[in-house]
């Protein structure tokens, strides 16, 4: 069965030619380190297929690179056709001088652009932001404690019984998913929107929405009495809202305090973390990818697509011609009533 599945994957890859890989290390139940290899496939639709585990006896970059190459060879997949590689941020995988991604590009796939997993990066951004802004850290720490407390099997069952008793005619509600947009589009837009938010400020609008939500949920908006020593603004560049305290911790006691001590610090820290954890080269490549999405306002903008074209050796003069032809084709299809939502 396994051989049949791998043969089918290999056949699809042969027809598609280009692919990218994701690899990570994990331990099995016997605590033996293994390497799981996953690849992305373009074949009219996007496919993500699991190739298998590789038993690891060493964890250095050379051995890991060789293991990945051997896995591809075993599956009759030509590594030279790999155009992207994604791993975690560990130095053995991401190192620019002797990491797996560097060795793989030098010895197997010259066009395999390395991208540190963006889910992982965004998670690190959020963690660092929460750690650096005490009010936010306390809030989410409280949420985590409530979640852990309520996750107890016995307690959760008692909670369900109590809820059904108090509200027998009401169906339980679930939190709505914030976005169905692809991650690469989400974080790019997030950075741009946060920058605009910091330059302008919709704080008043956000505050009104928060109060309306609290009112709808019957949550009183109260401020604790201000106590402790006075806060002093630190000597930071203009336009950055940061503060330091001397002595006892304070609780925000007004709309203005929440803005200065929570809203602006979170925005500033978020922008700083996004800037430090996402390289400019990767930003340009992902903006190029987003410009291939028909839903994007920058759809088929040749200037934005250019960095990706350079990365994969496409002649810029050919790119301009192809973009013009593709635009005409899409316009003709749309005039015929065909809705274009993807180029895949």
C-alpha atoms as a PDB file:
ATOM      1  CA  UNK A   1       0.000   0.000   0.000  1.00  0.00           C
ATOM      2  CA  UNK A   2       2.775   2.435   0.981  1.00  0.00           C
ATOM      3  CA  UNK A   3       4.684   1.738  -2.233  1.00  0.00           C
ATOM      4  CA  UNK A   4       1.540   2.329  -4.295  1.00  0.00           C
ATOM      5  CA  UNK A   5       0.951   5.718  -2.638  1.00  0.00           C
ATOM      6  CA  UNK A   6       4.597   6.766  -3.117  1.00  0.00           C
ATOM      7  CA  UNK A   7       4.486   5.678  -6.772  1.00  0.00           C
ATOM      8  CA  UNK A   8       1.418   7.864  -7.313  1.00  0.00           C
ATOM      9  CA  UNK A   9       3.097  10.848  -5.627  1.00  0.00           C
ATOM     10  CA  UNK A  10       6.242  10.345  -7.695  1.00  0.00           C
ATOM     11  CA  UNK A  11       4.182  10.211 -10.895  1.00  0.00           C
ATOM     12  CA  UNK A  12       2.440  13.470  -9.996  1.00  0.00           C
ATOM     13  CA  UNK A  13       5.784  15.117  -9.250  1.00  0.00           C
ATOM     14  CA  UNK A  14       7.206  13.922 -12.545  1.00  0.00           C
ATOM     15  CA  UNK A  15       4.346  15.627 -14.380  1.00  0.00           C
ATOM     16  CA  UNK A  16       4.556  18.789 -12.282  1.00  0.00           C
ATOM     17  CA  UNK A  17       8.374  19.017 -12.302  1.00  0.00           C
ATOM     18  CA  UNK A  18       8.756  21.730  -9.647  1.00  0.00           C
ATOM     19  CA  UNK A  19       8.172  21.202  -5.957  1.00  0.00           C
ATOM     20  CA  UNK A  20       9.233  22.378  -2.512  1.00  0.00           C
ATOM     21  CA  UNK A  21       9.887  20.500   0.712  1.00  0.00           C
ATOM     22  CA  UNK A  22       9.212  20.866   4.421  1.00  0.00           C
ATOM     23  CA  UNK A  23      11.170  18.844   6.949  1.00  0.00           C
ATOM     24  CA  UNK A  24      11.257  18.720  10.720  1.00  0.00           C
ATOM     25  CA  UNK A  25      12.635  16.460  13.417  1.00  0.00           C
ATOM     26  CA  UNK A  26      10.423  14.588  15.844  1.00  0.00           C
ATOM     27  CA  UNK A  27      10.789  11.787  18.370  1.00  0.00           C
ATOM     28  CA  UNK A  28       8.808   8.582  18.205  1.00  0.00           C
ATOM     29  CA  UNK A  29       7.460   6.747  21.244  1.00  0.00           C
ATOM     30  CA  UNK A  30      10.828   5.063  21.822  1.00  0.00           C
ATOM     31  CA  UNK A  31      12.523   8.500  21.953  1.00  0.00           C
ATOM     32  CA  UNK A  32      14.394   7.882  18.700  1.00  0.00           C
ATOM     33  CA  UNK A  33      14.860  11.002  16.610  1.00  0.00           C
ATOM     34  CA  UNK A  34      13.281  10.794  13.159  1.00  0.00           C
ATOM     35  CA  UNK A  35      12.959  13.145  10.213  1.00  0.00           C
ATOM     36  CA  UNK A  36       9.580  13.673   8.624  1.00  0.00           C
ATOM     37  CA  UNK A  37       9.646  15.002   5.076  1.00  0.00           C
ATOM     38  CA  UNK A  38       6.691  16.723   3.418  1.00  0.00           C
ATOM     39  CA  UNK A  39       6.520  18.317  -0.018  1.00  0.00           C
ATOM     40  CA  UNK A  40       4.261  20.775  -1.794  1.00  0.00           C
ATOM     41  CA  UNK A  41       3.124  19.985  -5.294  1.00  0.00           C
ATOM     42  CA  UNK A  42       1.667  22.211  -8.037  1.00  0.00           C
ATOM     43  CA  UNK A  43      -0.522  20.187 -10.361  1.00  0.00           C
ATOM     44  CA  UNK A  44      -3.590  22.230 -11.272  1.00  0.00           C
ATOM     45  CA  UNK A  45      -4.338  22.136  -7.548  1.00  0.00           C
ATOM     46  CA  UNK A  46      -2.027  22.451  -4.584  1.00  0.00           C
ATOM     47  CA  UNK A  47      -1.087  19.173  -2.945  1.00  0.00           C
ATOM     48  CA  UNK A  48       0.771  18.516   0.276  1.00  0.00           C
ATOM     49  CA  UNK A  49       1.932  14.933   0.626  1.00  0.00           C
ATOM     50  CA  UNK A  50       3.779  13.075   3.380  1.00  0.00           C
ATOM     51  CA  UNK A  51       6.705  11.049   2.084  1.00  0.00           C
ATOM     52  CA  UNK A  52       7.692   9.239   5.273  1.00  0.00           C
ATOM     53  CA  UNK A  53      10.064   9.114   8.230  1.00  0.00           C
ATOM     54  CA  UNK A  54      13.834   8.838   8.043  1.00  0.00           C
ATOM     55  CA  UNK A  55      15.635   7.228  10.986  1.00  0.00           C
ATOM     56  CA  UNK A  56      18.284   9.676  12.234  1.00  0.00           C
ATOM     57  CA  UNK A  57      21.481   8.562  13.911  1.00  0.00           C
ATOM     58  CA  UNK A  58      23.084  12.010  13.930  1.00  0.00           C
ATOM     59  CA  UNK A  59      21.730  15.553  14.137  1.00  0.00           C
ATOM     60  CA  UNK A  60      24.407  17.596  12.383  1.00  0.00           C
ATOM     61  CA  UNK A  61      23.657  19.617   9.226  1.00  0.00           C
ATOM     62  CA  UNK A  62      25.585  17.383   6.830  1.00  0.00           C
ATOM     63  CA  UNK A  63      23.816  14.238   8.012  1.00  0.00           C
ATOM     64  CA  UNK A  64      20.374  15.877   7.925  1.00  0.00           C
ATOM     65  CA  UNK A  65      20.979  17.230   4.417  1.00  0.00           C
ATOM     66  CA  UNK A  66      22.095  13.798   3.240  1.00  0.00           C
ATOM     67  CA  UNK A  67      19.017  12.198   4.818  1.00  0.00           C
ATOM     68  CA  UNK A  68      16.702  14.568   2.947  1.00  0.00           C
ATOM     69  CA  UNK A  69      18.481  13.913  -0.346  1.00  0.00           C
ATOM     70  CA  UNK A  70      18.362  10.151   0.204  1.00  0.00           C
ATOM     71  CA  UNK A  71      14.642  10.317   0.939  1.00  0.00           C
ATOM     72  CA  UNK A  72      14.028  12.168  -2.323  1.00  0.00           C
ATOM     73  CA  UNK A  73      16.269   9.725  -4.206  1.00  0.00           C
ATOM     74  CA  UNK A  74      14.421   6.745  -2.714  1.00  0.00           C
ATOM     75  CA  UNK A  75      11.176   8.224  -4.032  1.00  0.00           C
ATOM     76  CA  UNK A  76      12.759   8.850  -7.464  1.00  0.00           C
ATOM     77  CA  UNK A  77      12.374  12.608  -7.029  1.00  0.00           C
ATOM     78  CA  UNK A  78      15.007  14.824  -8.656  1.00  0.00           C
ATOM     79  CA  UNK A  79      16.252  17.241  -5.982  1.00  0.00           C
ATOM     80  CA  UNK A  80      17.366  19.728  -8.652  1.00  0.00           C
ATOM     81  CA  UNK A  81      13.707  20.516  -9.332  1.00  0.00           C
ATOM     82  CA  UNK A  82      13.169  21.715  -5.775  1.00  0.00           C
ATOM     83  CA  UNK A  83      12.429  25.471  -5.709  1.00  0.00           C
ATOM     84  CA  UNK A  84      11.727  25.946  -2.008  1.00  0.00           C
ATOM     85  CA  UNK A  85      12.640  24.522   1.384  1.00  0.00           C
ATOM     86  CA  UNK A  86      11.053  25.195   4.770  1.00  0.00           C
ATOM     87  CA  UNK A  87      12.388  24.211   8.192  1.00  0.00           C
ATOM     88  CA  UNK A  88      12.306  25.561  11.721  1.00  0.00           C
ATOM     89  CA  UNK A  89      14.636  28.317  12.868  1.00  0.00           C
ATOM     90  CA  UNK A  90      17.208  26.088  14.595  1.00  0.00           C
ATOM     91  CA  UNK A  91      20.734  27.028  13.515  1.00  0.00           C
ATOM     92  CA  UNK A  92      21.468  23.496  12.297  1.00  0.00           C
ATOM     93  CA  UNK A  93      18.616  23.876   9.790  1.00  0.00           C
ATOM     94  CA  UNK A  94      18.641  27.594   8.979  1.00  0.00           C
ATOM     95  CA  UNK A  95      22.324  28.477   9.313  1.00  0.00           C
ATOM     96  CA  UNK A  96      23.489  30.749   6.468  1.00  0.00           C
ATOM     97  CA  UNK A  97      27.039  29.330   6.412  1.00  0.00           C
ATOM     98  CA  UNK A  98      26.729  25.632   7.202  1.00  0.00           C
ATOM     99  CA  UNK A  99      23.048  24.932   7.909  1.00  0.00           C
ATOM    100  CA  UNK A 100      20.964  22.322   6.108  1.00  0.00           C
ATOM    101  CA  UNK A 101      19.349  24.937   3.852  1.00  0.00           C
ATOM    102  CA  UNK A 102      22.777  26.246   2.747  1.00  0.00           C
ATOM    103  CA  UNK A 103      24.228  22.782   2.064  1.00  0.00           C
ATOM    104  CA  UNK A 104      21.072  21.670   0.244  1.00  0.00           C
ATOM    105  CA  UNK A 105      21.234  24.679  -2.093  1.00  0.00           C
ATOM    106  CA  UNK A 106      24.950  24.276  -2.755  1.00  0.00           C
ATOM    107  CA  UNK A 107      24.961  20.530  -3.359  1.00  0.00           C
ATOM    108  CA  UNK A 108      21.475  19.556  -4.518  1.00  0.00           C
ATOM    109  CA  UNK A 109      19.026  22.344  -5.443  1.00  0.00           C
ATOM    110  CA  UNK A 110      20.472  25.794  -6.301  1.00  0.00           C
ATOM    111  CA  UNK A 111      17.016  27.372  -6.670  1.00  0.00           C
ATOM    112  CA  UNK A 112      15.569  26.000  -3.426  1.00  0.00           C
ATOM    113  CA  UNK A 113      14.845  29.251  -1.588  1.00  0.00           C
ATOM    114  CA  UNK A 114      14.842  28.785   2.178  1.00  0.00           C
ATOM    115  CA  UNK A 115      11.966  30.202   4.208  1.00  0.00           C
ATOM    116  CA  UNK A 116      11.766  29.809   7.959  1.00  0.00           C
ATOM    117  CA  UNK A 117       8.271  28.499   8.766  1.00  0.00           C
ATOM    118  CA  UNK A 118       6.043  31.578   8.972  1.00  0.00           C
ATOM    119  CA  UNK A 119       3.620  29.986  11.403  1.00  0.00           C
ATOM    120  CA  UNK A 120       6.552  29.521  13.762  1.00  0.00           C
ATOM    121  CA  UNK A 121       7.792  33.076  13.229  1.00  0.00           C
ATOM    122  CA  UNK A 122       4.413  34.660  13.830  1.00  0.00           C
ATOM    123  CA  UNK A 123       4.012  32.600  16.974  1.00  0.00           C
ATOM    124  CA  UNK A 124       7.393  33.846  18.232  1.00  0.00           C
ATOM    125  CA  UNK A 125       6.345  37.426  17.425  1.00  0.00           C
ATOM    126  CA  UNK A 126       3.182  37.083  19.512  1.00  0.00           C
ATOM    127  CA  UNK A 127       5.020  35.406  22.406  1.00  0.00           C
ATOM    128  CA  UNK A 128       7.687  38.132  22.522  1.00  0.00           C
ATOM    129  CA  UNK A 129       5.095  40.923  22.314  1.00  0.00           C
ATOM    130  CA  UNK A 130       3.131  39.480  25.225  1.00  0.00           C
ATOM    131  CA  UNK A 131       6.260  39.041  27.324  1.00  0.00           C
ATOM    132  CA  UNK A 132       7.353  42.634  26.768  1.00  0.00           C
ATOM    133  CA  UNK A 133       3.998  44.341  27.516  1.00  0.00           C
ATOM    134  CA  UNK A 134       3.094  43.476  31.100  1.00  0.00           C
ATOM    135  CA  UNK A 135      -0.627  44.261  30.906  1.00  0.00           C
ATOM    136  CA  UNK A 136      -1.021  42.006  27.851  1.00  0.00           C
ATOM    137  CA  UNK A 137       1.107  39.313  29.487  1.00  0.00           C
ATOM    138  CA  UNK A 138      -1.113  39.350  32.579  1.00  0.00           C
ATOM    139  CA  UNK A 139      -4.309  39.224  30.516  1.00  0.00           C
ATOM    140  CA  UNK A 140      -3.294  36.252  28.372  1.00  0.00           C
ATOM    141  CA  UNK A 141      -1.736  34.574  31.381  1.00  0.00           C
ATOM    142  CA  UNK A 142      -5.147  34.745  33.042  1.00  0.00           C
ATOM    143  CA  UNK A 143      -6.824  33.303  29.935  1.00  0.00           C
ATOM    144  CA  UNK A 144      -4.307  30.457  29.905  1.00  0.00           C
ATOM    145  CA  UNK A 145      -4.939  29.709  33.585  1.00  0.00           C
ATOM    146  CA  UNK A 146      -8.707  29.637  32.989  1.00  0.00           C
ATOM    147  CA  UNK A 147      -8.227  27.309  29.993  1.00  0.00           C
ATOM    148  CA  UNK A 148      -6.016  24.922  31.974  1.00  0.00           C
ATOM    149  CA  UNK A 149      -8.468  24.959  34.887  1.00  0.00           C
ATOM    150  CA  UNK A 150     -11.506  24.334  32.662  1.00  0.00           C
ATOM    151  CA  UNK A 151      -9.726  21.617  30.639  1.00  0.00           C
ATOM    152  CA  UNK A 152     -10.000  19.164  33.505  1.00  0.00           C
ATOM    153  CA  UNK A 153     -12.274  16.353  32.313  1.00  0.00           C
ATOM    154  CA  UNK A 154     -14.341  16.295  35.513  1.00  0.00           C
ATOM    155  CA  UNK A 155     -14.620  20.075  35.776  1.00  0.00           C
ATOM    156  CA  UNK A 156     -15.546  20.435  32.101  1.00  0.00           C
ATOM    157  CA  UNK A 157     -18.337  17.894  32.502  1.00  0.00           C
ATOM    158  CA  UNK A 158     -19.675  19.736  35.581  1.00  0.00           C
ATOM    159  CA  UNK A 159     -19.521  23.003  33.647  1.00  0.00           C
ATOM    160  CA  UNK A 160     -21.554  21.533  30.766  1.00  0.00           C
ATOM    161  CA  UNK A 161     -24.177  20.211  33.189  1.00  0.00           C
ATOM    162  CA  UNK A 162     -24.440  23.584  34.931  1.00  0.00           C
ATOM    163  CA  UNK A 163     -24.656  25.480  31.649  1.00  0.00           C
ATOM    164  CA  UNK A 164     -27.442  23.212  30.354  1.00  0.00           C
ATOM    165  CA  UNK A 165     -29.324  23.652  33.607  1.00  0.00           C
ATOM    166  CA  UNK A 166     -29.073  27.465  33.581  1.00  0.00           C
ATOM    167  CA  UNK A 167     -29.697  27.893  29.846  1.00  0.00           C
ATOM    168  CA  UNK A 168     -31.733  24.879  28.673  1.00  0.00           C
ATOM    169  CA  UNK A 169     -33.066  26.653  25.572  1.00  0.00           C
ATOM    170  CA  UNK A 170     -29.790  28.147  24.334  1.00  0.00           C
ATOM    171  CA  UNK A 171     -27.271  26.481  22.064  1.00  0.00           C
ATOM    172  CA  UNK A 172     -23.581  26.800  23.049  1.00  0.00           C
ATOM    173  CA  UNK A 173     -21.647  29.365  21.030  1.00  0.00           C
ATOM    174  CA  UNK A 174     -18.166  28.963  19.604  1.00  0.00           C
ATOM    175  CA  UNK A 175     -15.580  31.610  18.845  1.00  0.00           C
ATOM    176  CA  UNK A 176     -15.601  32.576  15.185  1.00  0.00           C
ATOM    177  CA  UNK A 177     -12.521  32.063  13.060  1.00  0.00           C
ATOM    178  CA  UNK A 178     -10.855  35.419  12.470  1.00  0.00           C
ATOM    179  CA  UNK A 179      -9.633  34.799   8.931  1.00  0.00           C
ATOM    180  CA  UNK A 180      -9.579  32.222   6.150  1.00  0.00           C
ATOM    181  CA  UNK A 181      -6.919  34.108   4.207  1.00  0.00           C
ATOM    182  CA  UNK A 182      -3.601  32.391   3.412  1.00  0.00           C
ATOM    183  CA  UNK A 183      -0.963  33.061   6.044  1.00  0.00           C
ATOM    184  CA  UNK A 184       1.529  34.681   3.677  1.00  0.00           C
ATOM    185  CA  UNK A 185      -1.096  37.260   2.687  1.00  0.00           C
ATOM    186  CA  UNK A 186      -2.255  37.722   6.275  1.00  0.00           C
ATOM    187  CA  UNK A 187       1.079  38.677   7.834  1.00  0.00           C
ATOM    188  CA  UNK A 188       2.061  40.965   4.945  1.00  0.00           C
ATOM    189  CA  UNK A 189      -1.190  42.881   5.282  1.00  0.00           C
ATOM    190  CA  UNK A 190      -0.885  42.769   9.057  1.00  0.00           C
ATOM    191  CA  UNK A 191       2.437  44.616   8.943  1.00  0.00           C
ATOM    192  CA  UNK A 192       1.137  47.261   6.545  1.00  0.00           C
ATOM    193  CA  UNK A 193      -2.086  47.766   8.498  1.00  0.00           C
ATOM    194  CA  UNK A 194      -0.250  48.037  11.832  1.00  0.00           C
ATOM    195  CA  UNK A 195       2.045  50.679  10.360  1.00  0.00           C
ATOM    196  CA  UNK A 196      -0.964  52.683   9.186  1.00  0.00           C
ATOM    197  CA  UNK A 197      -2.610  52.195  12.570  1.00  0.00           C
ATOM    198  CA  UNK A 198       0.480  53.537  14.332  1.00  0.00           C
ATOM    199  CA  UNK A 199       0.765  56.574  12.050  1.00  0.00           C
ATOM    200  CA  UNK A 200      -2.875  57.503  12.322  1.00  0.00           C
ATOM    201  CA  UNK A 201      -4.767  55.947  15.184  1.00  0.00           C
ATOM    202  CA  UNK A 202      -8.195  54.450  15.299  1.00  0.00           C
ATOM    203  CA  UNK A 203      -7.900  54.094  19.046  1.00  0.00           C
ATOM    204  CA  UNK A 204     -11.174  55.954  19.608  1.00  0.00           C
ATOM    205  CA  UNK A 205     -13.021  53.616  17.236  1.00  0.00           C
ATOM    206  CA  UNK A 206     -11.498  50.523  18.850  1.00  0.00           C
ATOM    207  CA  UNK A 207     -12.389  51.814  22.299  1.00  0.00           C
ATOM    208  CA  UNK A 208     -16.009  52.365  21.261  1.00  0.00           C
ATOM    209  CA  UNK A 209     -16.211  48.855  19.782  1.00  0.00           C
ATOM    210  CA  UNK A 210     -14.754  47.376  22.961  1.00  0.00           C
ATOM    211  CA  UNK A 211     -17.318  49.191  25.110  1.00  0.00           C
ATOM    212  CA  UNK A 212     -20.167  48.088  22.814  1.00  0.00           C
ATOM    213  CA  UNK A 213     -18.977  44.482  23.047  1.00  0.00           C
ATOM    214  CA  UNK A 214     -18.724  44.720  26.834  1.00  0.00           C
ATOM    215  CA  UNK A 215     -22.243  46.155  27.010  1.00  0.00           C
ATOM    216  CA  UNK A 216     -23.621  43.400  24.789  1.00  0.00           C
ATOM    217  CA  UNK A 217     -22.041  40.764  27.051  1.00  0.00           C
ATOM    218  CA  UNK A 218     -23.152  42.601  30.206  1.00  0.00           C
ATOM    219  CA  UNK A 219     -19.558  43.270  31.311  1.00  0.00           C
ATOM    220  CA  UNK A 220     -19.112  46.499  33.320  1.00  0.00           C
ATOM    221  CA  UNK A 221     -16.290  48.820  32.244  1.00  0.00           C
ATOM    222  CA  UNK A 222     -14.595  49.880  35.452  1.00  0.00           C
ATOM    223  CA  UNK A 223     -11.216  51.327  36.298  1.00  0.00           C
ATOM    224  CA  UNK A 224      -9.254  50.544  39.408  1.00  0.00           C
ATOM    225  CA  UNK A 225      -8.212  53.419  41.652  1.00  0.00           C
ATOM    226  CA  UNK A 226      -4.732  54.610  40.697  1.00  0.00           C
ATOM    227  CA  UNK A 227      -2.061  53.781  43.238  1.00  0.00           C
ATOM    228  CA  UNK A 228       1.674  53.465  43.564  1.00  0.00           C
ATOM    229  CA  UNK A 229       4.365  55.726  42.293  1.00  0.00           C
ATOM    230  CA  UNK A 230       4.035  57.892  39.253  1.00  0.00           C
ATOM    231  CA  UNK A 231       5.122  56.503  35.873  1.00  0.00           C
ATOM    232  CA  UNK A 232       7.802  58.380  33.973  1.00  0.00           C
ATOM    233  CA  UNK A 233       8.223  58.434  30.219  1.00  0.00           C
ATOM    234  CA  UNK A 234      11.534  56.892  29.180  1.00  0.00           C
ATOM    235  CA  UNK A 235      13.964  58.593  26.829  1.00  0.00           C
ATOM    236  CA  UNK A 236      12.930  56.871  23.595  1.00  0.00           C
ATOM    237  CA  UNK A 237      12.726  58.270  20.026  1.00  0.00           C
ATOM    238  CA  UNK A 238       9.760  60.476  19.176  1.00  0.00           C
ATOM    239  CA  UNK A 239       6.647  58.602  18.111  1.00  0.00           C
ATOM    240  CA  UNK A 240       7.234  55.581  20.375  1.00  0.00           C
ATOM    241  CA  UNK A 241       5.053  55.101  23.435  1.00  0.00           C
ATOM    242  CA  UNK A 242       7.061  53.293  26.098  1.00  0.00           C
ATOM    243  CA  UNK A 243       7.192  53.852  29.804  1.00  0.00           C
ATOM    244  CA  UNK A 244       9.024  52.690  32.906  1.00  0.00           C
ATOM    245  CA  UNK A 245       7.742  52.476  36.427  1.00  0.00           C
ATOM    246  CA  UNK A 246       9.427  53.238  39.718  1.00  0.00           C
ATOM    247  CA  UNK A 247       8.213  51.215  42.645  1.00  0.00           C
ATOM    248  CA  UNK A 248       4.755  49.653  42.823  1.00  0.00           C
ATOM    249  CA  UNK A 249       2.989  48.408  39.657  1.00  0.00           C
ATOM    250  CA  UNK A 250       0.023  50.413  38.435  1.00  0.00           C
ATOM    251  CA  UNK A 251      -3.276  49.530  36.834  1.00  0.00           C
ATOM    252  CA  UNK A 252      -4.541  51.720  33.954  1.00  0.00           C
ATOM    253  CA  UNK A 253      -7.243  53.997  35.312  1.00  0.00           C
ATOM    254  CA  UNK A 254      -8.550  55.663  32.160  1.00  0.00           C
ATOM    255  CA  UNK A 255      -9.037  55.337  28.437  1.00  0.00           C
ATOM    256  CA  UNK A 256      -5.876  57.397  27.918  1.00  0.00           C
ATOM    257  CA  UNK A 257      -3.832  55.146  30.225  1.00  0.00           C
ATOM    258  CA  UNK A 258      -4.894  52.018  28.320  1.00  0.00           C
ATOM    259  CA  UNK A 259      -3.949  53.690  25.034  1.00  0.00           C
ATOM    260  CA  UNK A 260      -0.496  54.783  26.257  1.00  0.00           C
ATOM    261  CA  UNK A 261       0.373  51.725  28.356  1.00  0.00           C
ATOM    262  CA  UNK A 262      -1.175  48.962  26.242  1.00  0.00           C
ATOM    263  CA  UNK A 263      -2.302  49.942  22.745  1.00  0.00           C
ATOM    264  CA  UNK A 264       0.790  51.834  21.562  1.00  0.00           C
ATOM    265  CA  UNK A 265       3.364  49.561  23.258  1.00  0.00           C
ATOM    266  CA  UNK A 266       1.765  46.479  21.660  1.00  0.00           C
ATOM    267  CA  UNK A 267       1.792  48.123  18.215  1.00  0.00           C
ATOM    268  CA  UNK A 268       5.405  49.287  18.582  1.00  0.00           C
ATOM    269  CA  UNK A 269       6.613  45.915  19.786  1.00  0.00           C
ATOM    270  CA  UNK A 270       4.651  44.057  17.110  1.00  0.00           C
ATOM    271  CA  UNK A 271       6.188  46.162  14.337  1.00  0.00           C
ATOM    272  CA  UNK A 272       9.670  45.752  15.791  1.00  0.00           C
ATOM    273  CA  UNK A 273       9.315  41.969  16.063  1.00  0.00           C
ATOM    274  CA  UNK A 274       7.845  41.619  12.570  1.00  0.00           C
ATOM    275  CA  UNK A 275      10.746  43.661  11.197  1.00  0.00           C
ATOM    276  CA  UNK A 276      13.383  41.579  12.970  1.00  0.00           C
ATOM    277  CA  UNK A 277      11.941  38.112  12.294  1.00  0.00           C
ATOM    278  CA  UNK A 278      11.044  38.506   8.609  1.00  0.00           C
ATOM    279  CA  UNK A 279      13.931  39.285   6.263  1.00  0.00           C
ATOM    280  CA  UNK A 280      13.460  41.843   3.502  1.00  0.00           C
ATOM    281  CA  UNK A 281      14.336  39.241   0.833  1.00  0.00           C
ATOM    282  CA  UNK A 282      11.582  36.919   2.015  1.00  0.00           C
ATOM    283  CA  UNK A 283       9.145  39.821   2.261  1.00  0.00           C
ATOM    284  CA  UNK A 284       9.795  40.704  -1.375  1.00  0.00           C
ATOM    285  CA  UNK A 285       9.380  37.093  -2.499  1.00  0.00           C
ATOM    286  CA  UNK A 286       6.108  36.710  -0.632  1.00  0.00           C
ATOM    287  CA  UNK A 287       4.827  40.017  -1.966  1.00  0.00           C
ATOM    288  CA  UNK A 288       5.642  38.605  -5.407  1.00  0.00           C
ATOM    289  CA  UNK A 289       3.565  35.529  -4.625  1.00  0.00           C
ATOM    290  CA  UNK A 290       0.693  37.656  -3.298  1.00  0.00           C
ATOM    291  CA  UNK A 291       0.751  39.631  -6.591  1.00  0.00           C
ATOM    292  CA  UNK A 292      -0.202  36.372  -8.345  1.00  0.00           C
ATOM    293  CA  UNK A 293      -3.452  36.217  -6.385  1.00  0.00           C
ATOM    294  CA  UNK A 294      -6.381  37.601  -8.442  1.00  0.00           C
ATOM    295  CA  UNK A 295      -7.909  38.899  -5.196  1.00  0.00           C
ATOM    296  CA  UNK A 296      -4.907  41.140  -4.543  1.00  0.00           C
ATOM    297  CA  UNK A 297      -4.997  44.861  -5.394  1.00  0.00           C
ATOM    298  CA  UNK A 298      -1.441  44.375  -6.748  1.00  0.00           C
ATOM    299  CA  UNK A 299      -2.467  41.492  -9.002  1.00  0.00           C
ATOM    300  CA  UNK A 300       0.017  41.012 -11.855  1.00  0.00           C
ATOM    301  CA  UNK A 301       2.035  44.088 -10.925  1.00  0.00           C
ATOM    302  CA  UNK A 302       5.238  43.368 -12.856  1.00  0.00           C
ATOM    303  CA  UNK A 303       7.366  45.491 -10.510  1.00  0.00           C
ATOM    304  CA  UNK A 304       6.272  43.469  -7.474  1.00  0.00           C
ATOM    305  CA  UNK A 305       6.687  40.134  -9.273  1.00  0.00           C
ATOM    306  CA  UNK A 306      10.229  41.063 -10.355  1.00  0.00           C
ATOM    307  CA  UNK A 307      12.118  39.801  -7.215  1.00  0.00           C
ATOM    308  CA  UNK A 308      10.690  36.301  -7.676  1.00  0.00           C
ATOM    309  CA  UNK A 309      11.545  36.412 -11.377  1.00  0.00           C
ATOM    310  CA  UNK A 310      15.150  37.314 -10.565  1.00  0.00           C
ATOM    311  CA  UNK A 311      15.309  34.546  -7.938  1.00  0.00           C
ATOM    312  CA  UNK A 312      14.335  31.885 -10.464  1.00  0.00           C
ATOM    313  CA  UNK A 313      16.272  33.248 -13.444  1.00  0.00           C
ATOM    314  CA  UNK A 314      13.356  34.582 -15.517  1.00  0.00           C
ATOM    315  CA  UNK A 315      14.269  37.236 -18.095  1.00  0.00           C
ATOM    316  CA  UNK A 316      12.574  40.494 -17.145  1.00  0.00           C
ATOM    317  CA  UNK A 317      11.723  41.251 -20.762  1.00  0.00           C
ATOM    318  CA  UNK A 318       9.984  37.864 -20.996  1.00  0.00           C
ATOM    319  CA  UNK A 319       8.181  38.588 -17.739  1.00  0.00           C
ATOM    320  CA  UNK A 320       6.683  41.815 -19.086  1.00  0.00           C
ATOM    321  CA  UNK A 321       5.410  40.032 -22.209  1.00  0.00           C
ATOM    322  CA  UNK A 322       3.961  37.114 -20.201  1.00  0.00           C
ATOM    323  CA  UNK A 323       2.190  39.471 -17.788  1.00  0.00           C
ATOM    324  CA  UNK A 324       0.557  41.387 -20.647  1.00  0.00           C
ATOM    325  CA  UNK A 325      -0.574  38.171 -22.313  1.00  0.00           C
ATOM    326  CA  UNK A 326      -1.931  36.750 -19.053  1.00  0.00           C
ATOM    327  CA  UNK A 327      -3.881  39.933 -18.318  1.00  0.00           C
ATOM    328  CA  UNK A 328      -5.505  39.813 -21.752  1.00  0.00           C
ATOM    329  CA  UNK A 329      -6.403  36.146 -21.289  1.00  0.00           C
ATOM    330  CA  UNK A 330      -7.968  36.798 -17.878  1.00  0.00           C
ATOM    331  CA  UNK A 331      -9.924  39.803 -19.191  1.00  0.00           C
ATOM    332  CA  UNK A 332     -11.282  37.675 -22.027  1.00  0.00           C
ATOM    333  CA  UNK A 333     -12.296  34.893 -19.627  1.00  0.00           C
ATOM    334  CA  UNK A 334     -14.013  37.369 -17.309  1.00  0.00           C
ATOM    335  CA  UNK A 335     -15.878  38.939 -20.231  1.00  0.00           C
ATOM    336  CA  UNK A 336     -17.193  35.431 -20.949  1.00  0.00           C
ATOM    337  CA  UNK A 337     -18.524  35.222 -17.400  1.00  0.00           C
ATOM    338  CA  UNK A 338     -15.705  33.089 -15.941  1.00  0.00           C
ATOM    339  CA  UNK A 339     -14.717  34.216 -12.439  1.00  0.00           C
ATOM    340  CA  UNK A 340     -10.950  33.944 -11.907  1.00  0.00           C
ATOM    341  CA  UNK A 341     -10.077  33.341  -8.242  1.00  0.00           C
ATOM    342  CA  UNK A 342      -6.726  31.608  -8.611  1.00  0.00           C
ATOM    343  CA  UNK A 343      -3.979  31.032 -11.180  1.00  0.00           C
ATOM    344  CA  UNK A 344      -3.400  27.486  -9.973  1.00  0.00           C
END
